[in-house]
Amino acid sequence: MTRAKLAELKECGGACLPVHGNDLRVFAALRTLLSEADTDLEAWLRSRRPASATDLLGALFADVMTEPATAVRAEPEPAAEPRDHSPAPDLRILLGLISAL
């Protein structure tokens, strides 16, 4: 069933994109932040746009983005850790369109 759905997705123009370790850390941190329901979180998300800076969403929306995502930072960021660009083992996020039959 899964292979058939993947084949159907590819036939409709879908693609499989690798998910890198740093992206997973960003998404996990966002899940934690969202579960805490801080009242300042929405403003912080709008100013920092952390998901927009991930490799996954950058690759996914590369064709439709007219300008690179930029974040407005109130304070200087500490030195960034080197990005882990190796794909996570056997982990993929499938994105595509679902149409009603």
Protein backbone atom coordinates (compact mmCIF):
# COMPACT_ATOMS: atom_id res chain seq x y z
CA MET A 1 0.00 0.00 0.00
CA THR A 2 2.73 2.49 0.96
CA ARG A 3 4.76 1.84 -2.21
CA ALA A 4 1.65 2.30 -4.32
CA LYS A 5 0.89 5.62 -2.61
CA LEU A 6 4.50 6.77 -3.09
CA ALA A 7 4.33 5.85 -6.77
CA GLU A 8 1.03 7.74 -7.08
CA LEU A 9 2.57 10.76 -5.37
CA LYS A 10 5.55 10.75 -7.77
CA GLU A 11 3.23 10.38 -10.78
CA CYS A 12 1.42 13.54 -9.65
CA GLY A 13 4.69 15.48 -9.45
CA GLY A 14 5.45 14.84 -5.78
CA ALA A 15 8.94 14.32 -4.45
CA CYS A 16 10.69 12.76 -1.46
CA LEU A 17 13.01 15.17 0.33
CA PRO A 18 15.63 14.21 2.92
CA VAL A 19 15.21 15.49 6.46
CA HIS A 20 18.43 16.62 8.11
CA GLY A 21 19.26 16.40 11.80
CA ASN A 22 19.27 20.16 12.39
CA ASP A 23 15.82 20.47 10.82
CA LEU A 24 14.50 17.78 13.16
CA ARG A 25 15.90 19.67 16.14
CA VAL A 26 14.18 22.88 14.99
CA PHE A 27 10.84 21.12 14.53
CA ALA A 28 11.16 19.31 17.89
CA ALA A 29 11.94 22.59 19.65
CA LEU A 30 8.97 24.26 17.96
CA ARG A 31 6.69 21.43 19.09
CA THR A 32 7.87 21.95 22.67
CA LEU A 33 7.42 25.72 22.46
CA LEU A 34 3.92 25.35 21.00
CA SER A 35 2.91 22.94 23.75
CA GLU A 36 3.92 25.51 26.38
CA ALA A 37 1.46 28.09 24.93
CA ASP A 38 3.53 31.15 25.88
CA THR A 39 1.66 34.38 25.14
CA ASP A 40 4.75 35.91 23.47
CA LEU A 41 5.38 32.91 21.22
CA GLU A 42 3.41 34.16 18.20
CA ALA A 43 5.37 37.44 18.07
CA TRP A 44 8.63 35.55 18.50
CA LEU A 45 7.73 33.12 15.68
CA ARG A 46 6.83 36.00 13.36
CA SER A 47 10.10 37.81 14.03
CA ARG A 48 12.45 34.80 14.05
CA ARG A 49 10.72 32.50 11.51
CA PRO A 50 12.73 29.43 12.62
CA ALA A 51 10.95 26.90 10.39
CA SER A 52 11.55 29.06 7.32
CA ALA A 53 15.30 28.70 7.80
CA THR A 54 15.26 24.88 7.69
CA ASP A 55 16.76 23.04 4.73
CA LEU A 56 13.55 21.02 4.29
CA LEU A 57 11.21 23.98 3.91
CA GLY A 58 13.83 25.88 1.92
CA ALA A 59 13.99 23.03 -0.61
CA LEU A 60 10.24 22.51 -0.58
CA PHE A 61 9.36 26.13 -1.26
CA ALA A 62 12.41 27.13 -3.33
CA ASP A 63 10.28 27.51 -6.47
CA VAL A 64 7.68 29.77 -4.86
CA MET A 65 9.77 31.94 -2.57
CA THR A 66 10.61 35.28 -4.14
CA GLU A 67 13.13 36.27 -1.50
CA PRO A 68 15.08 34.35 1.13
CA ALA A 69 13.58 34.13 4.58
CA THR A 70 15.13 36.67 6.88
CA ALA A 71 14.68 36.91 10.57
CA VAL A 72 14.71 40.07 12.62
CA ARG A 73 16.85 39.48 15.66
CA ALA A 74 16.65 41.70 18.72
CA GLU A 75 19.94 40.34 20.09
CA PRO A 76 22.99 38.89 18.39
CA GLU A 77 22.87 35.12 18.08
CA PRO A 78 25.60 33.05 19.74
CA ALA A 79 28.05 31.36 17.37
CA ALA A 80 26.13 28.79 15.36
CA GLU A 81 26.97 25.13 15.65
CA PRO A 82 27.99 23.44 12.41
CA ARG A 83 24.92 22.25 10.51
CA ASP A 84 24.38 18.53 10.25
CA HIS A 85 23.56 17.95 6.56
CA SER A 86 23.45 14.19 6.74
CA PRO A 87 19.97 12.76 6.16
CA ALA A 88 18.31 11.23 9.18
CA PRO A 89 18.32 7.44 8.80
CA ASP A 90 15.16 6.13 7.15
CA LEU A 91 13.18 9.23 7.98
CA ARG A 92 11.20 11.10 5.34
CA ILE A 93 8.36 13.53 5.43
CA LEU A 94 6.00 13.07 2.54
CA LEU A 95 4.21 16.15 1.33
CA GLY A 96 1.70 16.24 -1.47
CA LEU A 97 -1.78 17.09 -2.48
CA ILE A 98 -4.76 15.04 -1.47
CA SER A 99 -7.68 15.15 -3.82
CA ALA A 100 -11.22 13.96 -3.22
CA LEU A 101 -12.21 10.96 -5.26
